Amino acid sequence: MKRPAALPCRLLRTALRALLLALALTAAARAQVHAGAAQPLPPVLEQRADKLAHGLRCLVCQNQTLAESNAPLAQDMRKLIRDQLAEGRSDAQIMRFFEDRYGDFVRYDPPFKPITWLLWLGPFALLALGFVVLVRTLKRRAGARAPLTADERARAARFLDTGS
């Protein structure tokens, strides 16, 4: 008769073990998340990190700065900025690090040098080309219109007189 009473105890022990295991896994996961979180920087360094993040392009999004992007790569790059600031590197050294690693494209405002001339001057060249095409088209249209002959003027006058 002792057997039926043993079953609820075993079930209770198993449920308690499962609960303790779930709590331990949750605590371990939370500890891992907090270990990976960026340590707060002093306000001056935080401002520099923000300025640098606004000056660099997210390589995943490409039309957002690192400060605006939530992509995992952008988060890693922001962490790199913070780590390098904490090590005492200057803004120029950090920018050079990212340029060496990813090229000029990583800068949100690429430098004006021969390799980026097309990037800087391309929009102006296209605008000038569009203006030239517009002027030539308008000149052709103006030149194509011949003045009305006397016969055509008379027909137009008759048409306008009968129309009103």
N, C-alpha and C. Protein backbone atom coordinates (compact mmCIF):
# COMPACT_ATOMS: atom_id res chain seq x y z
N MET A 1 0.80 -1.19 0.00
CA MET A 1 0.00 0.00 0.00
C MET A 1 0.86 1.27 0.00
N LYS A 2 2.12 1.15 0.23
CA LYS A 2 2.98 2.31 0.22
C LYS A 2 3.29 2.78 -1.20
N ARG A 3 3.16 1.93 -2.15
CA ARG A 3 3.48 2.28 -3.52
C ARG A 3 2.66 3.44 -4.07
N PRO A 4 1.37 3.50 -3.93
CA PRO A 4 0.63 4.62 -4.50
C PRO A 4 1.08 5.96 -3.94
N ALA A 5 1.53 6.05 -2.73
CA ALA A 5 1.97 7.32 -2.15
C ALA A 5 3.33 7.74 -2.71
N ALA A 6 4.15 6.81 -3.17
CA ALA A 6 5.48 7.12 -3.69
C ALA A 6 5.40 7.81 -5.05
N LEU A 7 4.38 7.53 -5.83
CA LEU A 7 4.25 8.11 -7.17
C LEU A 7 4.13 9.64 -7.14
N PRO A 8 3.28 10.25 -6.31
CA PRO A 8 3.22 11.71 -6.28
C PRO A 8 4.54 12.34 -5.81
N CYS A 9 5.27 11.70 -4.91
CA CYS A 9 6.55 12.25 -4.45
C CYS A 9 7.56 12.27 -5.58
N ARG A 10 7.61 11.18 -6.36
CA ARG A 10 8.53 11.12 -7.49
C ARG A 10 8.18 12.18 -8.53
N LEU A 11 6.90 12.33 -8.79
CA LEU A 11 6.44 13.33 -9.75
C LEU A 11 6.78 14.74 -9.26
N LEU A 12 6.60 14.97 -7.98
CA LEU A 12 6.92 16.27 -7.40
C LEU A 12 8.42 16.55 -7.48
N ARG A 13 9.26 15.53 -7.20
CA ARG A 13 10.71 15.71 -7.29
C ARG A 13 11.15 16.01 -8.73
N THR A 14 10.57 15.32 -9.69
CA THR A 14 10.90 15.54 -11.10
C THR A 14 10.51 16.95 -11.53
N ALA A 15 9.34 17.40 -11.12
CA ALA A 15 8.88 18.75 -11.47
C ALA A 15 9.78 19.80 -10.81
N LEU A 16 10.19 19.55 -9.57
CA LEU A 16 11.06 20.48 -8.87
C LEU A 16 12.44 20.55 -9.54
N ARG A 17 12.97 19.41 -9.97
CA ARG A 17 14.25 19.39 -10.69
C ARG A 17 14.15 20.17 -12.01
N ALA A 18 13.06 19.98 -12.73
CA ALA A 18 12.86 20.69 -14.00
C ALA A 18 12.78 22.19 -13.76
N LEU A 19 12.09 22.59 -12.71
CA LEU A 19 11.97 24.00 -12.37
C LEU A 19 13.34 24.59 -12.01
N LEU A 20 14.12 23.88 -11.21
CA LEU A 20 15.46 24.36 -10.83
C LEU A 20 16.38 24.44 -12.05
N LEU A 21 16.28 23.48 -12.96
CA LEU A 21 17.08 23.51 -14.17
C LEU A 21 16.70 24.72 -15.04
N ALA A 22 15.41 24.98 -15.16
CA ALA A 22 14.95 26.13 -15.95
C ALA A 22 15.44 27.44 -15.33
N LEU A 23 15.38 27.55 -14.02
CA LEU A 23 15.87 28.76 -13.34
C LEU A 23 17.38 28.92 -13.52
N ALA A 24 18.12 27.83 -13.44
CA ALA A 24 19.57 27.91 -13.61
C ALA A 24 19.93 28.34 -15.03
N LEU A 25 19.24 27.80 -16.02
CA LEU A 25 19.50 28.18 -17.41
C LEU A 25 19.15 29.64 -17.66
N THR A 26 18.05 30.10 -17.09
CA THR A 26 17.66 31.49 -17.24
C THR A 26 18.70 32.42 -16.60
N ALA A 27 19.17 32.07 -15.42
CA ALA A 27 20.17 32.89 -14.74
C ALA A 27 21.48 32.91 -15.54
N ALA A 28 21.86 31.77 -16.10
CA ALA A 28 23.09 31.72 -16.90
C ALA A 28 22.96 32.57 -18.16
N ALA A 29 21.79 32.53 -18.79
CA ALA A 29 21.58 33.33 -20.00
C ALA A 29 21.62 34.82 -19.68
N ARG A 30 21.01 35.21 -18.56
CA ARG A 30 21.03 36.62 -18.17
C ARG A 30 22.45 37.08 -17.85
N ALA A 31 23.23 36.23 -17.20
CA ALA A 31 24.61 36.59 -16.87
C ALA A 31 25.43 36.77 -18.14
N GLN A 32 25.18 35.92 -19.13
CA GLN A 32 25.91 36.02 -20.39
C GLN A 32 25.55 37.31 -21.12
N VAL A 33 24.28 37.69 -21.11
CA VAL A 33 23.85 38.92 -21.76
C VAL A 33 24.49 40.12 -21.09
N HIS A 34 24.51 40.14 -19.77
CA HIS A 34 25.10 41.28 -19.05
C HIS A 34 26.62 41.31 -19.21
N ALA A 35 27.25 40.16 -19.38
CA ALA A 35 28.70 40.14 -19.58
C ALA A 35 29.06 40.74 -20.93
N GLY A 36 28.19 40.58 -21.95
CA GLY A 36 28.46 41.12 -23.28
C GLY A 36 28.07 42.57 -23.44
N ALA A 37 27.37 43.13 -22.48
CA ALA A 37 26.92 44.52 -22.59
C ALA A 37 28.11 45.47 -22.49
N ALA A 38 28.03 46.54 -23.22
CA ALA A 38 29.11 47.52 -23.23
C ALA A 38 29.16 48.25 -21.90
N GLN A 39 30.37 48.41 -21.39
CA GLN A 39 30.55 49.15 -20.15
C GLN A 39 30.36 50.63 -20.45
N PRO A 40 29.67 51.35 -19.58
CA PRO A 40 29.46 52.78 -19.85
C PRO A 40 30.79 53.54 -19.84
N LEU A 41 30.89 54.45 -20.78
CA LEU A 41 32.08 55.29 -20.88
C LEU A 41 31.82 56.61 -20.16
N PRO A 42 32.86 57.32 -19.80
CA PRO A 42 32.67 58.67 -19.26
C PRO A 42 31.95 59.54 -20.30
N PRO A 43 31.21 60.55 -19.87
CA PRO A 43 30.41 61.36 -20.81
C PRO A 43 31.20 61.94 -21.98
N VAL A 44 32.44 62.35 -21.75
CA VAL A 44 33.25 62.92 -22.84
C VAL A 44 33.52 61.86 -23.90
N LEU A 45 33.90 60.67 -23.46
CA LEU A 45 34.17 59.58 -24.41
C LEU A 45 32.88 59.11 -25.08
N GLU A 46 31.79 59.16 -24.34
CA GLU A 46 30.49 58.77 -24.92
C GLU A 46 30.12 59.71 -26.07
N GLN A 47 30.37 61.01 -25.88
CA GLN A 47 30.09 61.98 -26.96
C GLN A 47 30.98 61.73 -28.17
N ARG A 48 32.25 61.41 -27.92
CA ARG A 48 33.15 61.10 -29.04
C ARG A 48 32.71 59.84 -29.76
N ALA A 49 32.28 58.83 -29.01
CA ALA A 49 31.81 57.58 -29.62
C ALA A 49 30.58 57.85 -30.48
N ASP A 50 29.69 58.70 -29.98
CA ASP A 50 28.48 59.03 -30.74
C ASP A 50 28.84 59.79 -32.02
N LYS A 51 29.78 60.72 -31.91
CA LYS A 51 30.21 61.49 -33.09
C LYS A 51 30.84 60.56 -34.13
N LEU A 52 31.69 59.65 -33.68
CA LEU A 52 32.32 58.70 -34.61
C LEU A 52 31.28 57.78 -35.24
N ALA A 53 30.31 57.33 -34.45
CA ALA A 53 29.27 56.43 -34.98
C ALA A 53 28.41 57.15 -36.01
N HIS A 54 28.23 58.46 -35.86
CA HIS A 54 27.47 59.23 -36.86
C HIS A 54 28.30 59.48 -38.13
N GLY A 55 29.61 59.37 -38.04
CA GLY A 55 30.47 59.60 -39.19
C GLY A 55 30.79 58.35 -39.99
N LEU A 56 30.35 57.19 -39.49
CA LEU A 56 30.63 55.93 -40.18
C LEU A 56 29.34 55.31 -40.70
N ARG A 57 29.45 54.66 -41.85
CA ARG A 57 28.30 54.04 -42.52
C ARG A 57 28.13 52.60 -42.05
N CYS A 58 26.88 52.19 -41.86
CA CYS A 58 26.59 50.78 -41.59
C CYS A 58 26.78 50.03 -42.91
N LEU A 59 27.62 49.02 -42.90
CA LEU A 59 27.92 48.29 -44.12
C LEU A 59 26.79 47.35 -44.52
N VAL A 60 25.89 47.06 -43.60
CA VAL A 60 24.73 46.21 -43.91
C VAL A 60 23.62 47.06 -44.50
N CYS A 61 23.29 48.15 -43.83
CA CYS A 61 22.18 49.01 -44.27
C CYS A 61 22.60 49.95 -45.40
N GLN A 62 23.81 50.43 -45.37
CA GLN A 62 24.44 51.30 -46.36
C GLN A 62 23.84 52.70 -46.46
N ASN A 63 22.63 52.91 -46.04
CA ASN A 63 22.09 54.27 -46.09
C ASN A 63 21.83 54.79 -44.68
N GLN A 64 22.43 54.15 -43.70
CA GLN A 64 22.30 54.59 -42.31
C GLN A 64 23.69 54.69 -41.69
N THR A 65 23.79 55.56 -40.71
CA THR A 65 25.04 55.63 -39.96
C THR A 65 25.06 54.49 -38.95
N LEU A 66 26.22 54.27 -38.35
CA LEU A 66 26.32 53.25 -37.30
C LEU A 66 25.41 53.60 -36.13
N ALA A 67 25.27 54.88 -35.85
CA ALA A 67 24.44 55.31 -34.72
C ALA A 67 22.97 55.00 -34.96
N GLU A 68 22.52 55.02 -36.22
CA GLU A 68 21.11 54.81 -36.54
C GLU A 68 20.77 53.34 -36.73
N SER A 69 21.74 52.52 -37.07
CA SER A 69 21.49 51.13 -37.45
C SER A 69 21.39 50.20 -36.25
N ASN A 70 20.52 49.20 -36.37
CA ASN A 70 20.40 48.17 -35.34
C ASN A 70 20.95 46.84 -35.81
N ALA A 71 21.63 46.82 -36.95
CA ALA A 71 22.19 45.58 -37.49
C ALA A 71 23.27 45.06 -36.54
N PRO A 72 23.42 43.74 -36.43
CA PRO A 72 24.45 43.18 -35.55
C PRO A 72 25.86 43.68 -35.87
N LEU A 73 26.17 43.84 -37.15
CA LEU A 73 27.49 44.35 -37.52
C LEU A 73 27.68 45.78 -37.00
N ALA A 74 26.64 46.60 -37.08
CA ALA A 74 26.73 47.97 -36.58
C ALA A 74 26.95 47.97 -35.06
N GLN A 75 26.29 47.06 -34.37
CA GLN A 75 26.49 46.96 -32.92
C GLN A 75 27.93 46.58 -32.60
N ASP A 76 28.47 45.63 -33.39
CA ASP A 76 29.87 45.23 -33.18
C ASP A 76 30.82 46.38 -33.46
N MET A 77 30.53 47.14 -34.51
CA MET A 77 31.39 48.27 -34.86
C MET A 77 31.32 49.36 -33.79
N ARG A 78 30.12 49.60 -33.24
CA ARG A 78 30.01 50.58 -32.15
C ARG A 78 30.81 50.11 -30.93
N LYS A 79 30.78 48.81 -30.66
CA LYS A 79 31.55 48.27 -29.54
C LYS A 79 33.05 48.45 -29.79
N LEU A 80 33.48 48.24 -31.04
CA LEU A 80 34.88 48.47 -31.39
C LEU A 80 35.28 49.93 -31.14
N ILE A 81 34.39 50.84 -31.51
CA ILE A 81 34.67 52.27 -31.27
C ILE A 81 34.85 52.52 -29.78
N ARG A 82 33.93 51.99 -28.97
CA ARG A 82 34.01 52.19 -27.52
C ARG A 82 35.30 51.58 -26.94
N ASP A 83 35.62 50.37 -27.40
CA ASP A 83 36.83 49.71 -26.90
C ASP A 83 38.08 50.53 -27.25
N GLN A 84 38.13 51.04 -28.47
CA GLN A 84 39.31 51.80 -28.88
C GLN A 84 39.39 53.14 -28.14
N LEU A 85 38.24 53.75 -27.88
CA LEU A 85 38.24 54.99 -27.09
C LEU A 85 38.72 54.71 -25.67
N ALA A 86 38.28 53.58 -25.11
CA ALA A 86 38.70 53.22 -23.76
C ALA A 86 40.21 52.95 -23.71
N GLU A 87 40.78 52.48 -24.84
CA GLU A 87 42.22 52.24 -24.91
C GLU A 87 43.00 53.54 -25.08
N GLY A 88 42.31 54.65 -25.36
CA GLY A 88 42.98 55.94 -25.47
C GLY A 88 43.32 56.36 -26.89
N ARG A 89 42.74 55.72 -27.89
CA ARG A 89 43.03 56.10 -29.28
C ARG A 89 42.30 57.39 -29.64
N SER A 90 42.88 58.12 -30.58
CA SER A 90 42.26 59.37 -31.03
C SER A 90 41.18 59.08 -32.07
N ASP A 91 40.36 60.08 -32.35
CA ASP A 91 39.29 59.93 -33.35
C ASP A 91 39.89 59.60 -34.72
N ALA A 92 40.99 60.27 -35.06
CA ALA A 92 41.63 60.03 -36.36
C ALA A 92 42.16 58.60 -36.46
N GLN A 93 42.72 58.08 -35.38
CA GLN A 93 43.21 56.70 -35.39
C GLN A 93 42.07 55.71 -35.57
N ILE A 94 40.95 55.98 -34.92
CA ILE A 94 39.80 55.08 -35.03
C ILE A 94 39.23 55.12 -36.44
N MET A 95 39.11 56.32 -37.02
CA MET A 95 38.62 56.44 -38.39
C MET A 95 39.57 55.73 -39.36
N ARG A 96 40.87 55.89 -39.16
CA ARG A 96 41.85 55.23 -40.02
C ARG A 96 41.74 53.71 -39.89
N PHE A 97 41.48 53.22 -38.67
CA PHE A 97 41.30 51.79 -38.46
C PHE A 97 40.15 51.26 -39.31
N PHE A 98 39.01 51.96 -39.28
CA PHE A 98 37.86 51.51 -40.06
C PHE A 98 38.08 51.67 -41.56
N GLU A 99 38.77 52.74 -41.97
CA GLU A 99 39.06 52.93 -43.39
C GLU A 99 40.01 51.85 -43.90
N ASP A 100 41.01 51.50 -43.10
CA ASP A 100 41.94 50.44 -43.50
C ASP A 100 41.23 49.10 -43.61
N ARG A 101 40.28 48.90 -42.74
CA ARG A 101 39.58 47.62 -42.71
C ARG A 101 38.50 47.51 -43.78
N TYR A 102 37.74 48.58 -44.00
CA TYR A 102 36.57 48.52 -44.89
C TYR A 102 36.66 49.44 -46.11
N GLY A 103 37.68 50.27 -46.21
CA GLY A 103 37.80 51.18 -47.34
C GLY A 103 37.11 52.51 -47.06
N ASP A 104 37.22 53.43 -48.03
CA ASP A 104 36.63 54.77 -47.88
C ASP A 104 35.11 54.73 -47.79
N PHE A 105 34.51 53.66 -48.32
CA PHE A 105 33.05 53.57 -48.34
C PHE A 105 32.45 53.60 -46.93
N VAL A 106 33.23 53.15 -45.94
CA VAL A 106 32.70 53.09 -44.58
C VAL A 106 32.46 54.49 -44.00
N ARG A 107 33.14 55.48 -44.54
CA ARG A 107 32.91 56.86 -44.07
C ARG A 107 31.60 57.36 -44.65
N TYR A 108 30.82 58.03 -43.83
CA TYR A 108 29.55 58.56 -44.32
C TYR A 108 29.78 59.78 -45.21
N ASP A 109 30.92 60.44 -45.05
CA ASP A 109 31.32 61.53 -45.95
C ASP A 109 32.72 61.21 -46.47
N PRO A 110 32.80 60.45 -47.58
CA PRO A 110 34.11 60.02 -48.08
C PRO A 110 34.99 61.20 -48.45
N PRO A 111 36.31 61.05 -48.34
CA PRO A 111 37.23 62.14 -48.66
C PRO A 111 37.25 62.42 -50.16
N PHE A 112 37.63 63.64 -50.51
CA PHE A 112 37.72 64.05 -51.91
C PHE A 112 39.12 63.72 -52.41
N LYS A 113 39.26 62.58 -53.07
CA LYS A 113 40.53 62.18 -53.65
C LYS A 113 40.24 61.48 -54.98
N PRO A 114 41.26 61.26 -55.81
CA PRO A 114 41.01 60.76 -57.18
C PRO A 114 40.09 59.54 -57.26
N ILE A 115 40.18 58.64 -56.32
CA ILE A 115 39.36 57.44 -56.40
C ILE A 115 37.88 57.73 -56.11
N THR A 116 37.60 58.85 -55.44
CA THR A 116 36.21 59.18 -55.11
C THR A 116 35.68 60.37 -55.91
N TRP A 117 36.42 60.83 -56.91
CA TRP A 117 35.98 61.98 -57.71
C TRP A 117 34.63 61.71 -58.35
N LEU A 118 34.44 60.53 -58.90
CA LEU A 118 33.17 60.22 -59.55
C LEU A 118 32.02 60.29 -58.54
N LEU A 119 32.28 59.83 -57.35
CA LEU A 119 31.26 59.88 -56.30
C LEU A 119 30.86 61.31 -55.98
N TRP A 120 31.84 62.20 -55.91
CA TRP A 120 31.57 63.60 -55.58
C TRP A 120 31.07 64.40 -56.77
N LEU A 121 31.69 64.19 -57.93
CA LEU A 121 31.38 65.03 -59.10
C LEU A 121 30.32 64.42 -60.00
N GLY A 122 30.03 63.15 -59.85
CA GLY A 122 29.04 62.47 -60.70
C GLY A 122 27.68 63.14 -60.72
N PRO A 123 27.09 63.48 -59.59
CA PRO A 123 25.78 64.14 -59.61
C PRO A 123 25.80 65.47 -60.35
N PHE A 124 26.88 66.25 -60.18
CA PHE A 124 26.97 67.54 -60.88
C PHE A 124 27.14 67.32 -62.39
N ALA A 125 27.92 66.30 -62.76
CA ALA A 125 28.11 66.00 -64.18
C ALA A 125 26.78 65.58 -64.82
N LEU A 126 26.01 64.76 -64.12
CA LEU A 126 24.70 64.35 -64.65
C LEU A 126 23.75 65.54 -64.75
N LEU A 127 23.79 66.43 -63.79
CA LEU A 127 22.96 67.63 -63.84
C LEU A 127 23.34 68.51 -65.03
N ALA A 128 24.63 68.70 -65.25
CA ALA A 128 25.10 69.50 -66.39
C ALA A 128 24.71 68.83 -67.71
N LEU A 129 24.84 67.52 -67.79
CA LEU A 129 24.45 66.79 -69.00
C LEU A 129 22.96 66.95 -69.27
N GLY A 130 22.15 66.85 -68.24
CA GLY A 130 20.71 67.05 -68.39
C GLY A 130 20.38 68.45 -68.87
N PHE A 131 21.09 69.45 -68.35
CA PHE A 131 20.86 70.83 -68.77
C PHE A 131 21.22 71.02 -70.25
N VAL A 132 22.34 70.44 -70.67
CA VAL A 132 22.76 70.54 -72.08
C VAL A 132 21.73 69.88 -72.99
N VAL A 133 21.25 68.71 -72.62
CA VAL A 133 20.23 68.02 -73.42
C VAL A 133 18.96 68.85 -73.49
N LEU A 134 18.54 69.45 -72.39
CA LEU A 134 17.34 70.28 -72.37
C LEU A 134 17.50 71.49 -73.28
N VAL A 135 18.62 72.19 -73.20
CA VAL A 135 18.86 73.37 -74.04
C VAL A 135 18.86 72.99 -75.52
N ARG A 136 19.52 71.92 -75.87
CA ARG A 136 19.58 71.50 -77.28
C ARG A 136 18.20 71.11 -77.79
N THR A 137 17.42 70.43 -76.96
CA THR A 137 16.06 70.03 -77.36
C THR A 137 15.19 71.26 -77.58
N LEU A 138 15.28 72.22 -76.67
CA LEU A 138 14.47 73.44 -76.82
C LEU A 138 14.89 74.25 -78.05
N LYS A 139 16.18 74.30 -78.35
CA LYS A 139 16.64 75.01 -79.54
C LYS A 139 16.14 74.34 -80.82
N ARG A 140 16.14 73.02 -80.83
CA ARG A 140 15.65 72.31 -82.02
C ARG A 140 14.17 72.59 -82.24
N ARG A 141 13.42 72.58 -81.15
CA ARG A 141 11.98 72.84 -81.28
C ARG A 141 11.73 74.26 -81.78
N ALA A 142 12.48 75.22 -81.27
CA ALA A 142 12.29 76.61 -81.68
C ALA A 142 12.69 76.79 -83.15
N GLY A 143 13.74 76.12 -83.58
CA GLY A 143 14.19 76.23 -84.96
C GLY A 143 13.28 75.49 -85.92
N ALA A 144 12.59 74.49 -85.46
CA ALA A 144 11.73 73.68 -86.33
C ALA A 144 10.45 74.42 -86.68
N ARG A 145 10.06 75.40 -85.90
CA ARG A 145 8.82 76.14 -86.17
C ARG A 145 9.10 77.22 -87.23
N ALA A 146 8.52 77.03 -88.36
CA ALA A 146 8.65 78.03 -89.43
C ALA A 146 7.52 79.03 -89.28
N PRO A 147 7.74 80.28 -89.65
CA PRO A 147 6.67 81.27 -89.55
C PRO A 147 5.53 80.92 -90.52
N LEU A 148 4.31 81.34 -90.17
CA LEU A 148 3.14 81.05 -91.00
C LEU A 148 3.18 81.85 -92.30
N THR A 149 2.75 81.21 -93.34
CA THR A 149 2.63 81.92 -94.62
C THR A 149 1.36 82.75 -94.60
N ALA A 150 1.20 83.63 -95.60
CA ALA A 150 0.01 84.49 -95.68
C ALA A 150 -1.24 83.65 -95.84
N ASP A 151 -1.17 82.58 -96.61
CA ASP A 151 -2.32 81.69 -96.81
C ASP A 151 -2.71 81.02 -95.50
N GLU A 152 -1.73 80.56 -94.72
CA GLU A 152 -2.01 79.90 -93.44
C GLU A 152 -2.59 80.90 -92.44
N ARG A 153 -2.13 82.13 -92.46
CA ARG A 153 -2.69 83.15 -91.57
C ARG A 153 -4.15 83.43 -91.91
N ALA A 154 -4.45 83.50 -93.18
CA ALA A 154 -5.83 83.75 -93.61
C ALA A 154 -6.73 82.60 -93.18
N ARG A 155 -6.27 81.37 -93.34
CA ARG A 155 -7.07 80.20 -92.92
C ARG A 155 -7.29 80.22 -91.41
N ALA A 156 -6.27 80.57 -90.65
CA ALA A 156 -6.39 80.62 -89.20
C ALA A 156 -7.37 81.71 -88.79
N ALA A 157 -7.31 82.85 -89.44
CA ALA A 157 -8.23 83.95 -89.12
C ALA A 157 -9.66 83.55 -89.43
N ARG A 158 -9.90 82.88 -90.59
CA ARG A 158 -11.26 82.42 -90.92
C ARG A 158 -11.75 81.41 -89.89
N PHE A 159 -10.88 80.52 -89.49
CA PHE A 159 -11.26 79.49 -88.52
C PHE A 159 -11.62 80.13 -87.18
N LEU A 160 -10.85 81.11 -86.76
CA LEU A 160 -11.12 81.78 -85.49
C LEU A 160 -12.39 82.62 -85.56
N ASP A 161 -12.66 83.23 -86.71
CA ASP A 161 -13.87 84.04 -86.86
C ASP A 161 -15.12 83.16 -86.86
N THR A 162 -15.07 82.02 -87.49
CA THR A 162 -16.24 81.14 -87.54
C THR A 162 -16.43 80.40 -86.23
N GLY A 163 -15.38 80.22 -85.46
CA GLY A 163 -15.47 79.49 -84.20
C GLY A 163 -16.15 80.29 -83.11
N SER A 164 -16.15 81.61 -83.15
CA SER A 164 -16.70 82.41 -82.06
C SER A 164 -18.07 82.89 -82.30
